[in-house]
């Protein structure tokens, strides 16, 4: 398991570096990260539970992109491809890969909190570069946050990114 975790961490670090420096990530890093994360999750949960969680997370992501496409299309007054200037394909691929690293509630919470923190950070500290303009390295920021969260979960047994029990207990819904 240590090799899988180390591999995941190295790929994430590479993604952070590339997205911050170039506002793009090598395409081959996504399947590598997918294989490492899926293998690590299958090792913990088993194949069926891994696929079940990934499908739930993927459906949440698809719904979000459907709503986002609808909103932007209404605002633009025409059907709009959100990957044409609004959202990067690498950002989508990263979010799809993350579907294999979280339980459903953890995925939703990570996704919403990471987007909120990135918006706040960009609003406060964001500076446009001459090279990259207004592009935000979303996948890079989320990869960095996932690295921090993963490292914390390794040393804090109460935090399990693959189970919702702890979150449900915090919310008062646990058994």
N, C-alpha and C. Protein backbone atom coordinates (compact mmCIF):
# COMPACT_ATOMS: atom_id res chain seq x y z
N UNK A 1 0.83 -1.20 0.00
CA UNK A 1 0.00 0.00 0.00
C UNK A 1 0.87 1.26 0.00
N UNK A 2 2.02 1.17 0.65
CA UNK A 2 2.93 2.31 0.71
C UNK A 2 3.38 2.73 -0.68
N UNK A 3 3.64 1.76 -1.56
CA UNK A 3 4.06 2.09 -2.93
C UNK A 3 2.94 2.78 -3.70
N UNK A 4 1.71 2.30 -3.52
CA UNK A 4 0.58 2.95 -4.18
C UNK A 4 0.42 4.39 -3.70
N UNK A 5 0.48 4.58 -2.38
CA UNK A 5 0.33 5.92 -1.83
C UNK A 5 1.47 6.83 -2.29
N UNK A 6 2.68 6.31 -2.29
CA UNK A 6 3.82 7.10 -2.77
C UNK A 6 3.69 7.47 -4.23
N UNK A 7 3.22 6.52 -5.05
CA UNK A 7 2.99 6.80 -6.46
C UNK A 7 1.93 7.86 -6.67
N UNK A 8 0.84 7.75 -5.92
CA UNK A 8 -0.23 8.74 -6.00
C UNK A 8 0.31 10.13 -5.65
N UNK A 9 1.08 10.18 -4.58
CA UNK A 9 1.63 11.46 -4.12
C UNK A 9 2.56 12.06 -5.17
N UNK A 10 3.39 11.22 -5.79
CA UNK A 10 4.33 11.73 -6.81
C UNK A 10 3.59 12.26 -8.04
N UNK A 11 2.56 11.54 -8.49
CA UNK A 11 1.80 12.00 -9.65
C UNK A 11 1.08 13.30 -9.32
N UNK A 12 0.49 13.37 -8.14
CA UNK A 12 -0.19 14.61 -7.73
C UNK A 12 0.79 15.79 -7.68
N UNK A 13 1.97 15.55 -7.13
CA UNK A 13 2.99 16.62 -7.06
C UNK A 13 3.36 17.08 -8.47
N UNK A 14 3.51 16.15 -9.40
CA UNK A 14 3.79 16.51 -10.78
C UNK A 14 2.67 17.32 -11.40
N UNK A 15 1.43 16.96 -11.09
CA UNK A 15 0.29 17.70 -11.61
C UNK A 15 0.26 19.12 -11.06
N UNK A 16 0.54 19.27 -9.77
CA UNK A 16 0.56 20.59 -9.16
C UNK A 16 1.61 21.46 -9.86
N UNK A 17 2.80 20.93 -10.01
CA UNK A 17 3.88 21.68 -10.65
C UNK A 17 3.51 22.10 -12.07
N UNK A 18 3.03 21.14 -12.86
CA UNK A 18 2.72 21.44 -14.26
C UNK A 18 1.58 22.44 -14.39
N UNK A 19 0.53 22.26 -13.60
CA UNK A 19 -0.62 23.15 -13.73
C UNK A 19 -0.28 24.57 -13.26
N UNK A 20 0.52 24.70 -12.23
CA UNK A 20 0.90 26.03 -11.76
C UNK A 20 1.83 26.70 -12.77
N UNK A 21 2.77 25.94 -13.33
CA UNK A 21 3.77 26.52 -14.22
C UNK A 21 3.24 26.73 -15.64
N UNK A 22 2.53 25.75 -16.17
CA UNK A 22 2.13 25.79 -17.59
C UNK A 22 0.62 25.91 -17.81
N UNK A 23 -0.18 25.81 -16.77
CA UNK A 23 -1.65 25.78 -16.86
C UNK A 23 -2.10 24.62 -17.74
N UNK A 24 -1.38 23.54 -17.64
CA UNK A 24 -1.73 22.32 -18.36
C UNK A 24 -1.01 21.14 -17.72
N UNK A 25 -1.55 19.95 -17.92
CA UNK A 25 -0.99 18.74 -17.33
C UNK A 25 -0.83 17.71 -18.43
N UNK A 26 0.30 17.00 -18.43
CA UNK A 26 0.50 15.94 -19.41
C UNK A 26 -0.66 14.95 -19.35
N UNK A 27 -1.18 14.57 -20.50
CA UNK A 27 -2.36 13.71 -20.58
C UNK A 27 -2.14 12.36 -19.91
N UNK A 28 -0.92 11.81 -19.97
CA UNK A 28 -0.66 10.47 -19.47
C UNK A 28 -0.72 10.40 -17.94
N UNK A 29 -0.66 11.54 -17.28
CA UNK A 29 -0.71 11.53 -15.82
C UNK A 29 -2.10 11.13 -15.30
N UNK A 30 -3.14 11.44 -16.06
CA UNK A 30 -4.50 11.10 -15.63
C UNK A 30 -4.72 9.58 -15.58
N UNK A 31 -4.38 8.82 -16.64
CA UNK A 31 -4.56 7.37 -16.52
C UNK A 31 -3.65 6.73 -15.46
N UNK A 32 -2.45 7.28 -15.29
CA UNK A 32 -1.55 6.75 -14.25
C UNK A 32 -2.16 6.98 -12.88
N UNK A 33 -2.64 8.20 -12.63
CA UNK A 33 -3.26 8.49 -11.35
C UNK A 33 -4.52 7.65 -11.15
N UNK A 34 -5.31 7.49 -12.21
CA UNK A 34 -6.50 6.65 -12.15
C UNK A 34 -6.15 5.23 -11.72
N UNK A 35 -5.15 4.63 -12.37
CA UNK A 35 -4.78 3.25 -12.05
C UNK A 35 -4.29 3.12 -10.60
N UNK A 36 -3.48 4.08 -10.16
CA UNK A 36 -2.97 4.04 -8.79
C UNK A 36 -4.10 4.21 -7.77
N UNK A 37 -4.97 5.18 -8.01
CA UNK A 37 -6.05 5.43 -7.04
C UNK A 37 -7.07 4.30 -7.05
N UNK A 38 -7.40 3.79 -8.23
CA UNK A 38 -8.36 2.69 -8.30
C UNK A 38 -7.78 1.45 -7.62
N UNK A 39 -6.51 1.17 -7.84
CA UNK A 39 -5.88 0.00 -7.20
C UNK A 39 -5.86 0.16 -5.68
N UNK A 40 -5.53 1.35 -5.20
CA UNK A 40 -5.49 1.58 -3.76
C UNK A 40 -6.89 1.45 -3.15
N UNK A 41 -7.90 1.94 -3.84
CA UNK A 41 -9.27 1.88 -3.32
C UNK A 41 -9.80 0.45 -3.37
N UNK A 42 -9.53 -0.26 -4.47
CA UNK A 42 -9.96 -1.66 -4.57
C UNK A 42 -9.30 -2.48 -3.47
N UNK A 43 -8.08 -2.18 -3.17
CA UNK A 43 -7.37 -2.91 -2.11
C UNK A 43 -8.05 -2.74 -0.75
N UNK A 44 -8.62 -1.56 -0.51
CA UNK A 44 -9.27 -1.29 0.77
C UNK A 44 -10.74 -1.73 0.77
N UNK A 45 -11.47 -1.39 -0.30
CA UNK A 45 -12.91 -1.61 -0.31
C UNK A 45 -13.36 -2.85 -1.07
N UNK A 46 -12.56 -3.31 -2.00
CA UNK A 46 -12.99 -4.36 -2.90
C UNK A 46 -13.51 -3.74 -4.19
N UNK A 47 -13.61 -4.57 -5.23
CA UNK A 47 -13.96 -4.07 -6.55
C UNK A 47 -15.37 -3.50 -6.61
N UNK A 48 -16.36 -4.23 -6.10
CA UNK A 48 -17.76 -3.81 -6.21
C UNK A 48 -18.02 -2.48 -5.49
N UNK A 49 -17.51 -2.35 -4.29
CA UNK A 49 -17.72 -1.11 -3.53
C UNK A 49 -16.99 0.07 -4.19
N UNK A 50 -15.83 -0.19 -4.76
CA UNK A 50 -15.09 0.87 -5.45
C UNK A 50 -15.88 1.39 -6.64
N UNK A 51 -16.40 0.47 -7.44
CA UNK A 51 -17.18 0.87 -8.61
C UNK A 51 -18.45 1.60 -8.17
N UNK A 52 -19.10 1.12 -7.13
CA UNK A 52 -20.32 1.76 -6.64
C UNK A 52 -20.06 3.20 -6.22
N UNK A 53 -19.00 3.42 -5.46
CA UNK A 53 -18.67 4.78 -5.02
C UNK A 53 -18.29 5.66 -6.20
N UNK A 54 -17.52 5.13 -7.13
CA UNK A 54 -17.09 5.92 -8.29
C UNK A 54 -18.29 6.31 -9.15
N UNK A 55 -19.26 5.41 -9.30
CA UNK A 55 -20.45 5.72 -10.09
C UNK A 55 -21.27 6.83 -9.41
N UNK A 56 -21.45 6.73 -8.10
CA UNK A 56 -22.18 7.77 -7.38
C UNK A 56 -21.49 9.13 -7.53
N UNK A 57 -20.18 9.13 -7.36
CA UNK A 57 -19.42 10.38 -7.49
C UNK A 57 -19.50 10.90 -8.93
N UNK A 58 -19.41 9.99 -9.89
CA UNK A 58 -19.50 10.39 -11.28
C UNK A 58 -20.86 10.97 -11.64
N UNK A 59 -21.92 10.41 -11.08
CA UNK A 59 -23.27 10.95 -11.33
C UNK A 59 -23.41 12.36 -10.75
N UNK A 60 -22.85 12.57 -9.56
CA UNK A 60 -22.85 13.90 -8.97
C UNK A 60 -22.11 14.88 -9.88
N UNK A 61 -20.96 14.47 -10.37
CA UNK A 61 -20.15 15.31 -11.25
C UNK A 61 -20.90 15.60 -12.56
N UNK A 62 -21.53 14.58 -13.13
CA UNK A 62 -22.28 14.77 -14.38
C UNK A 62 -23.44 15.75 -14.17
N UNK A 63 -24.15 15.61 -13.05
CA UNK A 63 -25.25 16.52 -12.75
C UNK A 63 -24.74 17.95 -12.62
N UNK A 64 -23.61 18.10 -11.95
CA UNK A 64 -23.05 19.44 -11.78
C UNK A 64 -22.68 20.05 -13.13
N UNK A 65 -22.07 19.28 -14.01
CA UNK A 65 -21.70 19.82 -15.31
C UNK A 65 -22.91 20.09 -16.19
N UNK A 66 -23.95 19.30 -16.04
CA UNK A 66 -25.19 19.55 -16.77
C UNK A 66 -25.81 20.87 -16.32
N UNK A 67 -25.87 21.10 -15.02
CA UNK A 67 -26.40 22.35 -14.49
C UNK A 67 -25.52 23.52 -14.90
N UNK A 68 -24.21 23.35 -14.82
CA UNK A 68 -23.28 24.41 -15.20
C UNK A 68 -23.41 24.76 -16.68
N UNK A 69 -23.54 23.73 -17.51
CA UNK A 69 -23.74 23.96 -18.95
C UNK A 69 -25.04 24.71 -19.19
N UNK A 70 -26.11 24.30 -18.50
CA UNK A 70 -27.39 24.99 -18.63
C UNK A 70 -27.30 26.44 -18.20
N UNK A 71 -26.67 26.69 -17.08
CA UNK A 71 -26.54 28.06 -16.57
C UNK A 71 -25.76 28.94 -17.54
N UNK A 72 -24.61 28.45 -17.99
CA UNK A 72 -23.79 29.26 -18.89
C UNK A 72 -24.49 29.45 -20.24
N UNK A 73 -25.19 28.42 -20.70
CA UNK A 73 -25.92 28.53 -21.97
C UNK A 73 -27.03 29.56 -21.87
N UNK A 74 -27.73 29.57 -20.76
CA UNK A 74 -28.78 30.58 -20.55
C UNK A 74 -28.16 31.97 -20.50
N UNK A 75 -27.07 32.08 -19.80
CA UNK A 75 -26.40 33.38 -19.68
C UNK A 75 -25.87 33.86 -21.03
N UNK A 76 -25.36 32.94 -21.84
CA UNK A 76 -24.82 33.29 -23.17
C UNK A 76 -25.91 33.36 -24.24
N UNK A 77 -27.12 32.91 -23.88
CA UNK A 77 -28.28 32.89 -24.78
C UNK A 77 -28.06 31.98 -25.99
N UNK A 78 -27.26 30.95 -25.80
CA UNK A 78 -27.06 29.91 -26.82
C UNK A 78 -26.41 28.71 -26.13
N UNK A 79 -26.59 27.53 -26.73
CA UNK A 79 -25.98 26.33 -26.17
C UNK A 79 -24.47 26.50 -26.21
N UNK A 80 -23.85 26.35 -25.05
CA UNK A 80 -22.43 26.65 -24.91
C UNK A 80 -21.66 25.42 -24.44
N UNK A 81 -20.54 25.18 -25.07
CA UNK A 81 -19.62 24.13 -24.64
C UNK A 81 -18.75 24.71 -23.53
N UNK A 82 -18.94 24.24 -22.30
CA UNK A 82 -18.22 24.84 -21.17
C UNK A 82 -16.72 24.56 -21.21
N UNK A 83 -16.30 23.62 -22.06
CA UNK A 83 -14.87 23.32 -22.18
C UNK A 83 -14.19 24.22 -23.20
N UNK A 84 -14.94 25.15 -23.73
CA UNK A 84 -14.40 26.11 -24.69
C UNK A 84 -14.24 27.46 -24.00
N UNK A 85 -13.29 27.55 -23.10
CA UNK A 85 -13.00 28.81 -22.44
C UNK A 85 -13.49 28.97 -21.02
N UNK A 86 -14.38 28.09 -20.57
CA UNK A 86 -14.90 28.22 -19.21
C UNK A 86 -14.27 27.22 -18.25
N UNK A 87 -13.99 26.04 -18.74
CA UNK A 87 -13.52 24.96 -17.88
C UNK A 87 -12.55 24.10 -18.68
N UNK A 88 -11.43 23.72 -18.07
CA UNK A 88 -10.42 22.95 -18.78
C UNK A 88 -10.73 21.46 -18.80
N UNK A 89 -10.37 20.80 -19.88
CA UNK A 89 -10.57 19.37 -19.98
C UNK A 89 -9.74 18.62 -18.93
N UNK A 90 -8.56 19.14 -18.64
CA UNK A 90 -7.73 18.54 -17.59
C UNK A 90 -8.39 18.62 -16.23
N UNK A 91 -9.10 19.71 -15.98
CA UNK A 91 -9.83 19.85 -14.72
C UNK A 91 -10.92 18.79 -14.61
N UNK A 92 -11.62 18.56 -15.71
CA UNK A 92 -12.65 17.51 -15.73
C UNK A 92 -12.03 16.14 -15.51
N UNK A 93 -10.95 15.85 -16.22
CA UNK A 93 -10.31 14.54 -16.07
C UNK A 93 -9.83 14.32 -14.64
N UNK A 94 -9.32 15.37 -14.02
CA UNK A 94 -8.87 15.24 -12.64
C UNK A 94 -10.04 14.94 -11.71
N UNK A 95 -11.16 15.64 -11.91
CA UNK A 95 -12.35 15.39 -11.08
C UNK A 95 -12.89 13.98 -11.30
N UNK A 96 -12.81 13.47 -12.52
CA UNK A 96 -13.25 12.10 -12.79
C UNK A 96 -12.35 11.10 -12.07
N UNK A 97 -11.05 11.33 -12.12
CA UNK A 97 -10.11 10.43 -11.42
C UNK A 97 -10.36 10.47 -9.92
N UNK A 98 -10.66 11.65 -9.38
CA UNK A 98 -10.92 11.77 -7.95
C UNK A 98 -12.15 10.98 -7.51
N UNK A 99 -13.03 10.64 -8.44
CA UNK A 99 -14.20 9.82 -8.11
C UNK A 99 -13.80 8.50 -7.47
N UNK A 100 -12.58 8.04 -7.75
CA UNK A 100 -12.09 6.77 -7.22
C UNK A 100 -11.35 6.93 -5.90
N UNK A 101 -11.24 8.15 -5.38
CA UNK A 101 -10.48 8.36 -4.16
C UNK A 101 -11.31 8.77 -2.96
N UNK A 102 -12.63 8.86 -3.14
CA UNK A 102 -13.48 9.34 -2.06
C UNK A 102 -14.78 8.54 -1.99
N UNK A 103 -15.34 8.47 -0.80
CA UNK A 103 -16.73 8.05 -0.66
C UNK A 103 -17.60 9.22 -1.15
N UNK A 104 -18.90 8.98 -1.30
CA UNK A 104 -19.77 10.00 -1.89
C UNK A 104 -19.77 11.31 -1.10
N UNK A 105 -20.05 11.25 0.18
CA UNK A 105 -20.11 12.49 0.96
C UNK A 105 -18.75 13.19 1.04
N UNK A 106 -17.69 12.40 1.16
CA UNK A 106 -16.35 12.99 1.17
C UNK A 106 -16.04 13.66 -0.16
N UNK A 107 -16.48 13.05 -1.27
CA UNK A 107 -16.26 13.64 -2.59
C UNK A 107 -16.99 14.97 -2.72
N UNK A 108 -18.26 14.97 -2.35
CA UNK A 108 -19.06 16.20 -2.45
C UNK A 108 -18.44 17.28 -1.56
N UNK A 109 -18.10 16.93 -0.34
CA UNK A 109 -17.51 17.90 0.59
C UNK A 109 -16.17 18.42 0.07
N UNK A 110 -15.31 17.52 -0.39
CA UNK A 110 -14.02 17.96 -0.93
C UNK A 110 -14.22 18.88 -2.13
N UNK A 111 -15.11 18.47 -3.02
CA UNK A 111 -15.33 19.25 -4.24
C UNK A 111 -15.83 20.66 -3.90
N UNK A 112 -16.84 20.75 -3.06
CA UNK A 112 -17.41 22.05 -2.73
C UNK A 112 -16.44 22.93 -1.93
N UNK A 113 -15.79 22.33 -0.93
CA UNK A 113 -14.84 23.11 -0.13
C UNK A 113 -13.62 23.54 -0.96
N UNK A 114 -13.13 22.65 -1.81
CA UNK A 114 -11.96 23.02 -2.61
C UNK A 114 -12.31 24.15 -3.58
N UNK A 115 -13.47 24.08 -4.22
CA UNK A 115 -13.87 25.16 -5.12
C UNK A 115 -14.04 26.48 -4.36
N UNK A 116 -14.64 26.41 -3.18
CA UNK A 116 -14.82 27.62 -2.37
C UNK A 116 -13.47 28.22 -1.97
N UNK A 117 -12.55 27.37 -1.50
CA UNK A 117 -11.23 27.86 -1.10
C UNK A 117 -10.45 28.43 -2.29
N UNK A 118 -10.58 27.80 -3.45
CA UNK A 118 -9.87 28.28 -4.64
C UNK A 118 -10.43 29.64 -5.06
N UNK A 119 -11.75 29.79 -5.01
CA UNK A 119 -12.36 31.08 -5.35
C UNK A 119 -11.88 32.16 -4.38
N UNK A 120 -11.90 31.85 -3.09
CA UNK A 120 -11.44 32.83 -2.10
C UNK A 120 -9.96 33.17 -2.28
N UNK A 121 -9.14 32.15 -2.44
CA UNK A 121 -7.71 32.36 -2.61
C UNK A 121 -7.43 33.19 -3.85
N UNK A 122 -8.11 32.87 -4.94
CA UNK A 122 -7.90 33.60 -6.19
C UNK A 122 -8.39 35.04 -6.07
N UNK A 123 -9.51 35.24 -5.38
CA UNK A 123 -10.03 36.60 -5.21
C UNK A 123 -9.10 37.44 -4.36
N UNK A 124 -8.47 36.83 -3.37
CA UNK A 124 -7.61 37.58 -2.46
C UNK A 124 -6.20 37.74 -3.02
N UNK A 125 -5.61 36.62 -3.50
CA UNK A 125 -4.19 36.64 -3.88
C UNK A 125 -3.96 36.51 -5.38
N UNK A 126 -5.00 36.21 -6.13
CA UNK A 126 -4.83 35.91 -7.55
C UNK A 126 -4.32 37.08 -8.34
N UNK A 127 -3.31 36.81 -9.10
CA UNK A 127 -2.77 37.81 -10.01
C UNK A 127 -2.72 37.20 -11.39
N UNK A 128 -3.12 37.98 -12.37
CA UNK A 128 -3.08 37.48 -13.73
C UNK A 128 -1.65 37.56 -14.25
N UNK A 129 -1.23 36.48 -14.88
CA UNK A 129 0.10 36.52 -15.48
C UNK A 129 -0.03 36.90 -16.94
N UNK A 130 1.02 37.43 -17.51
CA UNK A 130 1.00 37.81 -18.91
C UNK A 130 0.89 36.57 -19.79
N UNK A 131 1.45 35.47 -19.33
CA UNK A 131 1.44 34.24 -20.12
C UNK A 131 0.10 33.54 -20.07
N UNK A 132 -0.53 33.45 -18.88
CA UNK A 132 -1.71 32.62 -18.69
C UNK A 132 -3.01 33.40 -18.58
N UNK A 133 -2.95 34.72 -18.51
CA UNK A 133 -4.17 35.51 -18.44
C UNK A 133 -4.99 35.19 -17.20
N UNK A 134 -6.29 34.96 -17.41
CA UNK A 134 -7.20 34.74 -16.29
C UNK A 134 -7.36 33.27 -15.93
N UNK A 135 -6.59 32.39 -16.52
CA UNK A 135 -6.74 30.95 -16.26
C UNK A 135 -6.32 30.62 -14.82
N UNK A 136 -7.15 29.83 -14.17
CA UNK A 136 -6.89 29.39 -12.80
C UNK A 136 -6.45 27.93 -12.87
N UNK A 137 -5.36 27.57 -12.21
CA UNK A 137 -4.92 26.16 -12.22
C UNK A 137 -5.77 25.31 -11.27
N UNK A 138 -7.03 25.09 -11.65
CA UNK A 138 -7.99 24.40 -10.78
C UNK A 138 -7.50 23.00 -10.40
N UNK A 139 -7.11 22.20 -11.38
CA UNK A 139 -6.65 20.84 -11.08
C UNK A 139 -5.40 20.88 -10.19
N UNK A 140 -4.54 21.86 -10.41
CA UNK A 140 -3.33 21.98 -9.57
C UNK A 140 -3.67 22.30 -8.13
N UNK A 141 -4.57 23.25 -7.94
CA UNK A 141 -4.99 23.58 -6.57
C UNK A 141 -5.68 22.39 -5.91
N UNK A 142 -6.58 21.72 -6.65
CA UNK A 142 -7.28 20.58 -6.06
C UNK A 142 -6.32 19.43 -5.79
N UNK A 143 -5.33 19.24 -6.66
CA UNK A 143 -4.34 18.19 -6.41
C UNK A 143 -3.54 18.50 -5.15
N UNK A 144 -3.18 19.76 -4.96
CA UNK A 144 -2.46 20.16 -3.75
C UNK A 144 -3.31 19.93 -2.51
N UNK A 145 -4.58 20.31 -2.58
CA UNK A 145 -5.48 20.09 -1.43
C UNK A 145 -5.68 18.60 -1.17
N UNK A 146 -5.77 17.81 -2.23
CA UNK A 146 -5.92 16.36 -2.07
C UNK A 146 -4.67 15.76 -1.45
N UNK A 147 -3.50 16.27 -1.82
CA UNK A 147 -2.25 15.79 -1.21
C UNK A 147 -2.24 16.06 0.29
N UNK A 148 -2.63 17.28 0.67
CA UNK A 148 -2.66 17.64 2.09
C UNK A 148 -3.67 16.78 2.84
N UNK A 149 -4.86 16.64 2.28
CA UNK A 149 -5.90 15.84 2.92
C UNK A 149 -5.48 14.37 3.03
N UNK A 150 -4.86 13.85 1.99
CA UNK A 150 -4.39 12.46 2.02
C UNK A 150 -3.33 12.27 3.09
N UNK A 151 -2.39 13.20 3.17
CA UNK A 151 -1.35 13.11 4.19
C UNK A 151 -1.95 13.16 5.59
N UNK A 152 -2.91 14.03 5.80
CA UNK A 152 -3.58 14.11 7.10
C UNK A 152 -4.30 12.80 7.41
N UNK A 153 -4.97 12.24 6.41
CA UNK A 153 -5.72 11.00 6.65
C UNK A 153 -4.80 9.82 6.96
N UNK A 154 -3.57 9.85 6.46
CA UNK A 154 -2.62 8.77 6.78
C UNK A 154 -2.27 8.76 8.25
N UNK A 155 -2.23 9.94 8.87
CA UNK A 155 -1.80 10.05 10.25
C UNK A 155 -2.94 10.28 11.23
N UNK A 156 -4.17 10.38 10.73
CA UNK A 156 -5.33 10.58 11.58
C UNK A 156 -6.34 9.49 11.29
N UNK A 157 -6.35 8.44 12.09
CA UNK A 157 -7.24 7.31 11.80
C UNK A 157 -8.73 7.67 11.74
N UNK A 158 -9.13 8.73 12.40
CA UNK A 158 -10.55 9.12 12.39
C UNK A 158 -10.99 9.62 11.02
N UNK A 159 -10.04 10.07 10.20
CA UNK A 159 -10.38 10.57 8.87
C UNK A 159 -10.18 9.43 7.87
N UNK A 160 -11.28 8.99 7.30
CA UNK A 160 -11.25 7.94 6.28
C UNK A 160 -11.94 8.50 5.04
N UNK A 161 -11.16 8.76 4.00
CA UNK A 161 -11.70 9.36 2.79
C UNK A 161 -12.59 8.40 2.01
N UNK A 162 -12.54 7.13 2.34
CA UNK A 162 -13.31 6.12 1.60
C UNK A 162 -14.58 5.69 2.33
N UNK A 163 -14.89 6.32 3.45
CA UNK A 163 -16.10 5.97 4.20
C UNK A 163 -16.76 7.25 4.71
N UNK A 164 -18.07 7.21 4.77
CA UNK A 164 -18.84 8.39 5.21
C UNK A 164 -19.20 8.35 6.69
N UNK A 165 -18.82 7.30 7.40
CA UNK A 165 -19.23 7.13 8.79
C UNK A 165 -18.87 8.33 9.66
N UNK A 166 -17.63 8.81 9.55
CA UNK A 166 -17.18 9.91 10.38
C UNK A 166 -17.99 11.18 10.09
N UNK A 167 -18.23 11.47 8.81
CA UNK A 167 -19.02 12.66 8.47
C UNK A 167 -20.45 12.53 8.97
N UNK A 168 -21.04 11.36 8.82
CA UNK A 168 -22.41 11.15 9.29
C UNK A 168 -22.49 11.31 10.81
N UNK A 169 -21.49 10.82 11.53
CA UNK A 169 -21.46 11.00 12.98
C UNK A 169 -21.34 12.48 13.35
N UNK A 170 -20.52 13.21 12.62
CA UNK A 170 -20.37 14.65 12.89
C UNK A 170 -21.68 15.39 12.64
N UNK A 171 -22.43 14.92 11.66
CA UNK A 171 -23.70 15.56 11.33
C UNK A 171 -24.84 15.08 12.22
N UNK A 172 -24.59 14.07 13.04
CA UNK A 172 -25.60 13.55 13.93
C UNK A 172 -26.50 12.50 13.30
N UNK A 173 -26.11 11.98 12.13
CA UNK A 173 -26.90 10.97 11.45
C UNK A 173 -26.36 9.56 11.64
N UNK A 174 -25.22 9.45 12.30
CA UNK A 174 -24.60 8.13 12.46
C UNK A 174 -25.34 7.29 13.47
N UNK A 175 -25.00 6.02 13.45
CA UNK A 175 -25.68 5.08 14.37
C UNK A 175 -24.97 5.01 15.71
